[in-house]
Amino acid sequence: MKIKNIKKFLIIFSFISSVILLGKLVIIPKKTKFTLEEKNNCVNNHTSHKKHIITVFIHGTILPYPSYKVFKKALKNQKNQDKKSFYSKYLKNLRYELIYKLQPISDFGLLEINEDNTNGERNLLIAKLYKFLCKYVENDNNILFSFYTFGWDGRLDSKKREEWGNRLYKELIDKIEELKKKMPNIELIIHVLAHSHGGNVALNLSKSEEILKKGLVIDKLVLFGTPIQSETSGFINSDVFKYVYNIYSKSDPVQVVDIISTKDSFSKRRFSLNLSKLKQIEIEVGKKGPLHNELWFLKGKDNFLYRKKFGLNPFPVSIFTPLIVNFIDSNFSDTNNIELNIKKEGNDLKFIFHDFSYSFTNFENLKKQIPKKLV
């Protein structure tokens, strides 16, 4: 292992240690029993659909916390005669272990979620939960839903995020062209959900559009705990992004602690721009603001950062995106700054926006559908 890589390892380990120490909705009027579809129904029959919504999940930074199991794998792979550094191999192995496996994540690039993916079972579970909530809101059988992950190397490096943003752009364009040939009469809509620095990967789509000019449009970009940095914050002005939703928590120290991969003295929670297409949503769950991890990751035995008494346990905030975004679009078109509180009341979740509130009555049914072996 090169001395340079060892130094990088030590610097980032120190950074991680400090981070850890810092340590009204549209609701169906009747109760609907929630059941997950079988795996073989993951591929939709699109013959009768008029609209196709593609949702892309983008994970955040892969911080290389110590893992003997992963270290051993990377060391073993280091003996192979390839040009990848030990650090690269360590990060790639780490993405499917411990905390990182409890999110929608797969191999590098844009991959449709199915049972053949790495981390396939958890990805399928998250996609099916999310699809249920999309249908819960849309109430339209003519909509086709597809789900993808975009995997990147997760390095704490703004240049790397720009490179991966460029790859995301090219792969999205290719996928859009492919789908338009297969389904020329179906309206295609792209939603991107991104956690942490995955949001900055997505924002870099603007830069690629400036160069390649393929006319990419992301209908909804939803950011969860994304560090707002001068390198990418201005990109929300781009026509690439039709609507942007910046969801953040004041109890999330990780969002603002990055001083390594930006020229700024610290990262911010909010964009300074005041645009009609931008909604900035401060979130609390009960009396607690979600931690960085709780915005995106499932609860599980390996997720030591997810609090046992967190009100959405075992779900992350991101699962409820269809409910949150739909209500905002319907009721707060002229409001840019929104305070959201989610409270557990009996077996229901109560969503409170300012003076408006509605209840989600399927929370307990949703919880019962998560196999214990996956969390």
Protein backbone atom coordinates (compact mmCIF):
# COMPACT_ATOMS: atom_id res chain seq x y z
CA MET A 1 0.00 0.00 0.00
CA LYS A 2 1.41 3.41 -0.96
CA ILE A 3 2.33 5.93 1.76
CA LYS A 4 0.07 8.50 0.03
CA ASN A 5 -2.96 6.20 0.37
CA ILE A 6 -2.19 5.49 4.04
CA LYS A 7 -2.07 9.24 4.78
CA LYS A 8 -5.42 9.76 3.02
CA PHE A 9 -6.86 6.90 5.04
CA LEU A 10 -5.72 8.43 8.34
CA ILE A 11 -7.05 11.91 7.46
CA ILE A 12 -10.51 10.62 6.55
CA PHE A 13 -10.66 8.29 9.59
CA SER A 14 -10.03 11.33 11.80
CA PHE A 15 -12.76 13.23 9.98
CA ILE A 16 -15.26 10.38 10.48
CA SER A 17 -14.52 10.14 14.19
CA SER A 18 -15.30 13.83 14.70
CA VAL A 19 -18.53 13.52 12.69
CA ILE A 20 -19.76 10.57 14.76
CA LEU A 21 -19.04 12.36 18.01
CA LEU A 22 -20.98 15.41 16.91
CA GLY A 23 -23.12 13.27 16.92
CA LYS A 24 -51.20 18.54 5.39
CA LEU A 25 -50.56 15.41 3.22
CA VAL A 26 -52.67 13.83 0.48
CA ILE A 27 -54.06 10.68 2.09
CA ILE A 28 -56.40 8.04 0.71
CA PRO A 29 -59.66 8.48 2.63
CA LYS A 30 -60.01 4.78 3.40
CA LYS A 31 -57.56 2.38 5.06
CA THR A 32 -55.86 0.18 2.49
CA LYS A 33 -54.19 -3.05 3.46
CA PHE A 34 -50.60 -2.90 2.30
CA THR A 35 -49.05 -5.91 0.57
CA LEU A 36 -45.80 -6.10 -1.34
CA GLU A 37 -45.77 -7.50 -4.86
CA GLU A 38 -43.85 -10.66 -5.66
CA LYS A 39 -40.34 -10.31 -7.08
CA ASN A 40 -41.36 -11.52 -10.53
CA ASN A 41 -43.84 -8.64 -10.80
CA CYS A 42 -40.98 -6.13 -10.63
CA VAL A 43 -41.06 -5.78 -14.43
CA ASN A 44 -44.14 -3.77 -15.38
CA ASN A 45 -46.49 -4.51 -18.25
CA HIS A 46 -46.42 -1.14 -20.01
CA THR A 47 -48.92 -1.73 -22.82
CA SER A 48 -51.73 0.30 -21.19
CA HIS A 49 -49.70 3.04 -19.50
CA LYS A 50 -49.70 6.70 -20.52
CA LYS A 51 -46.99 7.98 -18.19
CA HIS A 52 -43.68 6.45 -17.06
CA ILE A 53 -42.05 7.80 -13.90
CA ILE A 54 -38.43 6.80 -13.35
CA THR A 55 -37.02 7.31 -9.86
CA VAL A 56 -33.24 7.29 -9.43
CA PHE A 57 -31.71 6.85 -5.96
CA ILE A 58 -28.20 8.28 -5.45
CA HIS A 59 -26.28 7.42 -2.30
CA GLY A 60 -23.92 9.76 -0.49
CA THR A 61 -20.24 9.65 0.44
CA ILE A 62 -18.77 6.27 1.40
CA LEU A 63 -16.63 7.19 4.41
CA PRO A 64 -14.02 4.47 5.01
CA TYR A 65 -14.70 3.62 8.63
CA PRO A 66 -12.68 0.69 9.98
CA SER A 67 -13.92 -2.81 9.13
CA TYR A 68 -11.67 -5.84 9.53
CA LYS A 69 -13.83 -7.86 7.12
CA VAL A 70 -13.62 -5.22 4.39
CA PHE A 71 -9.92 -4.57 5.06
CA LYS A 72 -9.23 -8.28 4.59
CA LYS A 73 -11.20 -8.39 1.32
CA ALA A 74 -9.46 -5.32 -0.07
CA LEU A 75 -6.04 -6.65 0.95
CA LYS A 76 -6.78 -9.94 -0.78
CA ASN A 77 -7.89 -8.14 -3.93
CA GLN A 78 -4.78 -5.95 -3.82
CA LYS A 79 -2.78 -8.96 -4.94
CA ASN A 80 -4.60 -8.88 -8.27
CA GLN A 81 -2.63 -7.25 -11.05
CA ASP A 82 -4.85 -4.23 -11.74
CA LYS A 83 -4.30 -0.49 -11.46
CA LYS A 84 -6.89 0.23 -8.76
CA SER A 85 -5.53 1.47 -5.45
CA PHE A 86 -6.11 -0.27 -2.14
CA TYR A 87 -8.25 2.72 -1.11
CA SER A 88 -10.54 2.27 -4.15
CA LYS A 89 -10.94 -1.43 -3.43
CA TYR A 90 -11.65 -0.78 0.24
CA LEU A 91 -14.43 1.70 -0.63
CA LYS A 92 -15.98 -0.62 -3.23
CA ASN A 93 -16.12 -3.52 -0.76
CA LEU A 94 -17.45 -1.30 2.03
CA ARG A 95 -20.55 -0.19 0.09
CA TYR A 96 -22.30 -3.52 0.73
CA GLU A 97 -21.36 -3.92 4.38
CA LEU A 98 -22.76 -2.78 7.74
CA ILE A 99 -24.54 0.59 7.53
CA TYR A 100 -24.12 1.13 3.79
CA LYS A 101 -26.13 -1.93 2.78
CA LEU A 102 -29.23 -0.43 4.49
CA GLN A 103 -29.93 1.98 1.63
CA PRO A 104 -30.69 1.76 -2.10
CA ILE A 105 -27.21 1.05 -3.47
CA SER A 106 -25.72 -1.18 -6.13
CA ASP A 107 -22.70 -1.32 -8.42
CA PHE A 108 -21.31 1.69 -10.26
CA GLY A 109 -23.49 3.42 -12.82
CA LEU A 110 -27.23 3.58 -13.56
CA LEU A 111 -28.81 0.19 -12.83
CA GLU A 112 -32.47 -0.78 -12.71
CA ILE A 113 -33.45 -2.29 -9.38
CA ASN A 114 -34.12 -6.02 -9.63
CA GLU A 115 -33.29 -9.23 -7.75
CA ASP A 116 -30.04 -9.67 -9.70
CA ASN A 117 -28.42 -6.48 -8.34
CA THR A 118 -25.84 -6.57 -5.61
CA ASN A 119 -27.77 -5.74 -2.43
CA GLY A 120 -30.79 -6.76 -4.51
CA GLU A 121 -33.19 -7.80 -1.74
CA ARG A 122 -32.90 -4.52 0.17
CA ASN A 123 -33.07 -2.47 -3.02
CA LEU A 124 -36.23 -4.33 -4.04
CA LEU A 125 -37.77 -3.79 -0.63
CA ILE A 126 -37.09 -0.03 -0.71
CA ALA A 127 -38.36 0.26 -4.29
CA LYS A 128 -41.58 -1.61 -3.48
CA LEU A 129 -42.28 0.45 -0.36
CA TYR A 130 -41.66 3.60 -2.37
CA LYS A 131 -43.83 2.37 -5.25
CA PHE A 132 -46.71 1.68 -2.86
CA LEU A 133 -46.56 5.26 -1.57
CA CYS A 134 -46.35 6.62 -5.13
CA LYS A 135 -49.54 4.73 -6.01
CA TYR A 136 -51.07 5.80 -2.71
CA VAL A 137 -50.67 9.40 -3.84
CA GLU A 138 -51.17 9.20 -7.61
CA ASN A 139 -54.22 6.90 -7.57
CA ASP A 140 -53.79 6.33 -11.33
CA ASN A 141 -53.36 2.87 -12.82
CA ASN A 142 -52.09 4.35 -16.09
CA ILE A 143 -48.74 5.30 -14.54
CA LEU A 144 -45.75 2.98 -14.94
CA PHE A 145 -43.09 3.17 -12.18
CA SER A 146 -39.45 2.11 -12.57
CA PHE A 147 -36.63 2.40 -10.04
CA TYR A 148 -32.88 2.73 -10.50
CA THR A 149 -29.80 3.21 -8.39
CA PHE A 150 -26.86 5.29 -9.50
CA GLY A 151 -23.66 4.08 -7.88
CA TRP A 152 -20.55 6.23 -7.66
CA ASP A 153 -17.27 5.74 -5.79
CA GLY A 154 -18.39 7.87 -2.82
CA ARG A 155 -15.13 9.76 -2.44
CA LEU A 156 -15.03 12.98 -0.45
CA ASP A 157 -13.77 14.91 -3.47
CA SER A 158 -15.61 17.61 -5.45
CA LYS A 159 -13.77 16.77 -8.70
CA LYS A 160 -14.79 13.12 -8.39
CA ARG A 161 -18.39 14.17 -7.83
CA GLU A 162 -18.23 16.25 -11.00
CA GLU A 163 -16.86 13.27 -12.95
CA TRP A 164 -19.59 10.99 -11.64
CA GLY A 165 -22.20 13.66 -12.41
CA ASN A 166 -21.00 13.59 -16.01
CA ARG A 167 -21.32 9.81 -16.12
CA LEU A 168 -24.82 10.04 -14.64
CA TYR A 169 -25.76 12.53 -17.35
CA LYS A 170 -24.58 10.30 -20.18
CA GLU A 171 -26.21 7.18 -18.77
CA LEU A 172 -29.52 8.99 -18.19
CA ILE A 173 -29.52 10.27 -21.78
CA ASP A 174 -28.81 6.75 -23.08
CA LYS A 175 -31.58 5.28 -20.93
CA ILE A 176 -34.09 7.95 -21.99
CA GLU A 177 -33.33 7.34 -25.68
CA GLU A 178 -33.65 3.57 -25.17
CA LEU A 179 -37.01 3.87 -23.41
CA LYS A 180 -38.42 6.33 -25.94
CA LYS A 181 -37.69 3.83 -28.71
CA LYS A 182 -39.40 1.02 -26.77
CA MET A 183 -42.36 3.13 -25.59
CA PRO A 184 -42.68 6.10 -27.98
CA ASN A 185 -46.23 7.02 -26.93
CA ILE A 186 -45.59 7.17 -23.16
CA GLU A 187 -44.68 10.42 -21.38
CA LEU A 188 -41.34 9.94 -19.61
CA ILE A 189 -40.71 11.72 -16.28
CA ILE A 190 -37.46 11.59 -14.27
CA HIS A 191 -37.30 11.97 -10.49
CA VAL A 192 -33.96 11.95 -8.67
CA LEU A 193 -33.64 11.34 -4.91
CA ALA A 194 -30.18 11.97 -3.53
CA HIS A 195 -28.62 11.76 -0.08
CA SER A 196 -25.77 13.88 1.21
CA HIS A 197 -23.07 14.42 -1.44
CA GLY A 198 -25.10 12.31 -3.84
CA GLY A 199 -27.06 15.54 -4.21
CA ASN A 200 -23.93 17.31 -5.42
CA VAL A 201 -23.33 14.51 -7.93
CA ALA A 202 -26.86 15.19 -9.24
CA LEU A 203 -26.39 18.98 -9.29
CA ASN A 204 -23.39 18.48 -11.57
CA LEU A 205 -25.84 17.33 -14.28
CA SER A 206 -26.20 21.04 -15.02
CA LYS A 207 -22.53 21.31 -15.93
CA SER A 208 -22.75 18.37 -18.33
CA GLU A 209 -25.84 19.85 -19.99
CA GLU A 210 -23.95 23.09 -20.63
CA ILE A 211 -21.34 21.10 -22.57
CA LEU A 212 -23.33 18.29 -24.22
CA LYS A 213 -26.67 20.09 -24.71
CA LYS A 214 -28.88 16.98 -24.95
CA GLY A 215 -31.88 18.67 -23.35
CA LEU A 216 -31.97 16.62 -20.14
CA VAL A 217 -34.85 17.53 -17.79
CA ILE A 218 -35.18 16.25 -14.21
CA ASP A 219 -38.80 16.85 -13.23
CA LYS A 220 -38.13 16.59 -9.49
CA LEU A 221 -34.78 16.67 -7.69
CA VAL A 222 -35.17 15.84 -4.00
CA LEU A 223 -32.14 16.40 -1.77
CA PHE A 224 -31.73 14.91 1.71
CA GLY A 225 -29.06 16.44 3.92
CA THR A 226 -27.00 17.58 0.93
CA PRO A 227 -24.09 19.86 1.92
CA ILE A 228 -24.80 23.11 0.10
CA GLN A 229 -21.49 24.30 -1.34
CA SER A 230 -20.46 27.15 -3.61
CA GLU A 231 -19.08 24.70 -6.19
CA THR A 232 -22.58 23.42 -7.07
CA SER A 233 -25.24 25.57 -5.34
CA GLY A 234 -25.75 27.83 -8.37
CA PHE A 235 -26.64 24.84 -10.56
CA ILE A 236 -30.23 24.79 -9.28
CA ASN A 237 -30.77 27.74 -11.64
CA SER A 238 -30.31 25.36 -14.56
CA ASP A 239 -33.23 24.38 -16.79
CA VAL A 240 -32.17 20.77 -16.17
CA PHE A 241 -34.03 20.92 -12.85
CA LYS A 242 -37.74 21.68 -13.13
CA TYR A 243 -38.40 21.51 -9.36
CA VAL A 244 -35.95 21.18 -6.46
CA TYR A 245 -36.84 20.11 -2.90
CA ASN A 246 -34.13 20.63 -0.30
CA ILE A 247 -35.03 18.56 2.80
CA TYR A 248 -32.81 19.14 5.82
CA SER A 249 -32.67 18.87 9.61
CA LYS A 250 -31.07 21.28 12.05
CA SER A 251 -30.11 18.23 14.13
CA ASP A 252 -27.89 16.93 11.31
CA PRO A 253 -24.27 17.98 11.97
CA VAL A 254 -22.89 15.90 9.10
CA GLN A 255 -24.53 18.11 6.47
CA VAL A 256 -22.43 21.14 7.41
CA VAL A 257 -19.20 19.60 8.69
CA ASP A 258 -17.47 18.99 5.33
CA ILE A 259 -14.50 21.34 5.06
CA ILE A 260 -12.36 18.87 3.08
CA SER A 261 -14.02 18.80 -0.35
CA THR A 262 -14.99 22.47 -0.71
CA LYS A 263 -13.25 25.82 -0.78
CA ASP A 264 -15.91 27.12 1.63
CA SER A 265 -15.12 27.43 5.32
CA PHE A 266 -18.12 25.15 5.99
CA SER A 267 -21.07 23.66 4.10
CA LYS A 268 -24.60 25.06 4.48
CA ARG A 269 -28.06 23.57 4.98
CA ARG A 270 -29.95 25.91 2.65
CA PHE A 271 -29.55 27.50 -0.75
CA SER A 272 -29.24 31.28 -0.61
CA LEU A 273 -31.18 31.67 -3.87
CA ASN A 274 -34.91 32.42 -3.74
CA LEU A 275 -36.42 30.64 -6.75
CA SER A 276 -40.05 29.73 -7.37
CA LYS A 277 -39.04 26.18 -8.30
CA LEU A 278 -37.10 25.67 -5.04
CA LYS A 279 -38.76 24.40 -1.85
CA GLN A 280 -36.61 24.32 1.31
CA ILE A 281 -38.09 22.01 3.92
CA GLU A 282 -36.90 21.88 7.50
CA ILE A 283 -38.01 18.60 9.06
CA GLU A 284 -38.60 17.32 12.59
CA VAL A 285 -39.96 13.98 13.76
CA GLY A 286 -41.81 14.54 17.01
CA LYS A 287 -39.51 16.66 19.13
CA LYS A 288 -36.36 15.45 17.39
CA GLY A 289 -34.74 16.47 14.16
CA PRO A 290 -33.59 13.51 12.05
CA LEU A 291 -29.89 12.73 12.02
CA HIS A 292 -28.04 12.48 8.73
CA ASN A 293 -28.40 8.71 8.73
CA GLU A 294 -32.13 8.78 9.55
CA LEU A 295 -32.91 10.85 6.47
CA TRP A 296 -31.89 7.99 4.13
CA PHE A 297 -31.02 4.66 5.78
CA LEU A 298 -33.23 1.87 7.10
CA LYS A 299 -32.88 0.92 10.74
CA GLY A 300 -30.98 -2.35 11.22
CA LYS A 301 -28.74 -4.12 13.69
CA ASP A 302 -25.69 -2.76 11.85
CA ASN A 303 -27.00 0.81 11.83
CA PHE A 304 -25.63 2.10 15.13
CA LEU A 305 -26.32 5.72 14.09
CA TYR A 306 -30.10 5.24 13.78
CA ARG A 307 -31.80 5.92 17.13
CA LYS A 308 -34.06 3.18 18.46
CA LYS A 309 -36.70 5.69 19.62
CA PHE A 310 -36.72 7.66 16.36
CA GLY A 311 -40.38 8.18 15.44
CA LEU A 312 -40.19 6.64 11.95
CA ASN A 313 -38.34 3.50 13.04
CA PRO A 314 -37.45 1.46 10.93
CA PHE A 315 -37.92 3.83 7.97
CA PRO A 316 -35.88 6.77 6.74
CA VAL A 317 -37.56 10.08 5.96
CA SER A 318 -36.87 9.54 2.23
CA ILE A 319 -39.40 6.68 2.01
CA PHE A 320 -42.20 9.21 2.59
CA THR A 321 -41.10 11.51 -0.25
CA PRO A 322 -44.21 10.88 -2.42
CA LEU A 323 -46.48 12.04 0.42
CA ILE A 324 -44.38 15.07 1.34
CA VAL A 325 -43.78 16.32 -2.21
CA ASN A 326 -47.34 15.76 -3.39
CA PHE A 327 -48.83 17.80 -0.55
CA ILE A 328 -46.34 20.63 -1.03
CA ASP A 329 -47.08 20.77 -4.77
CA SER A 330 -50.82 20.82 -4.10
CA ASN A 331 -50.94 23.32 -1.23
CA PHE A 332 -47.74 25.39 -1.04
CA SER A 333 -47.08 26.48 -4.62
CA ASP A 334 -46.31 30.04 -3.48
CA THR A 335 -44.29 29.09 -0.38
CA ASN A 336 -40.56 28.48 -0.58
CA ASN A 337 -39.75 27.84 3.09
CA ILE A 338 -41.70 25.08 4.80
CA GLU A 339 -41.49 23.56 8.28
CA LEU A 340 -42.58 19.92 8.45
CA ASN A 341 -43.22 17.92 11.60
CA ILE A 342 -44.09 14.22 11.61
CA LYS A 343 -45.62 12.86 14.80
CA LYS A 344 -46.45 9.30 15.76
CA GLU A 345 -50.00 9.15 17.13
CA GLY A 346 -51.13 5.65 18.06
CA ASN A 347 -50.69 3.49 14.96
CA ASP A 348 -50.70 6.46 12.59
CA LEU A 349 -48.30 9.14 11.45
CA LYS A 350 -49.49 12.72 11.57
CA PHE A 351 -47.86 15.09 9.09
CA ILE A 352 -48.02 18.74 10.11
CA PHE A 353 -47.21 21.63 7.77
CA HIS A 354 -47.61 24.99 9.46
CA ASP A 355 -51.30 25.01 10.47
CA PHE A 356 -52.28 22.08 8.23
CA SER A 357 -52.21 18.42 9.26
CA TYR A 358 -53.21 15.03 7.89
CA SER A 359 -52.77 11.47 9.06
CA PHE A 360 -51.12 8.54 7.30
CA THR A 361 -53.04 5.50 8.52
CA ASN A 362 -50.97 2.72 6.96
CA PHE A 363 -47.77 3.13 8.99
CA GLU A 364 -48.10 -0.08 11.03
CA ASN A 365 -49.06 -2.10 7.94
CA LEU A 366 -46.00 -0.71 6.20
CA LYS A 367 -43.76 -1.78 9.09
CA LYS A 368 -45.07 -5.37 9.01
CA GLN A 369 -43.85 -5.82 5.43
CA ILE A 370 -40.15 -5.53 6.32
CA PRO A 371 -38.53 -8.98 6.74
CA LYS A 372 -36.39 -9.09 9.89
CA LYS A 373 -33.50 -10.67 7.99
CA LEU A 374 -33.16 -7.51 5.87
CA VAL A 375 -32.88 -5.07 8.77
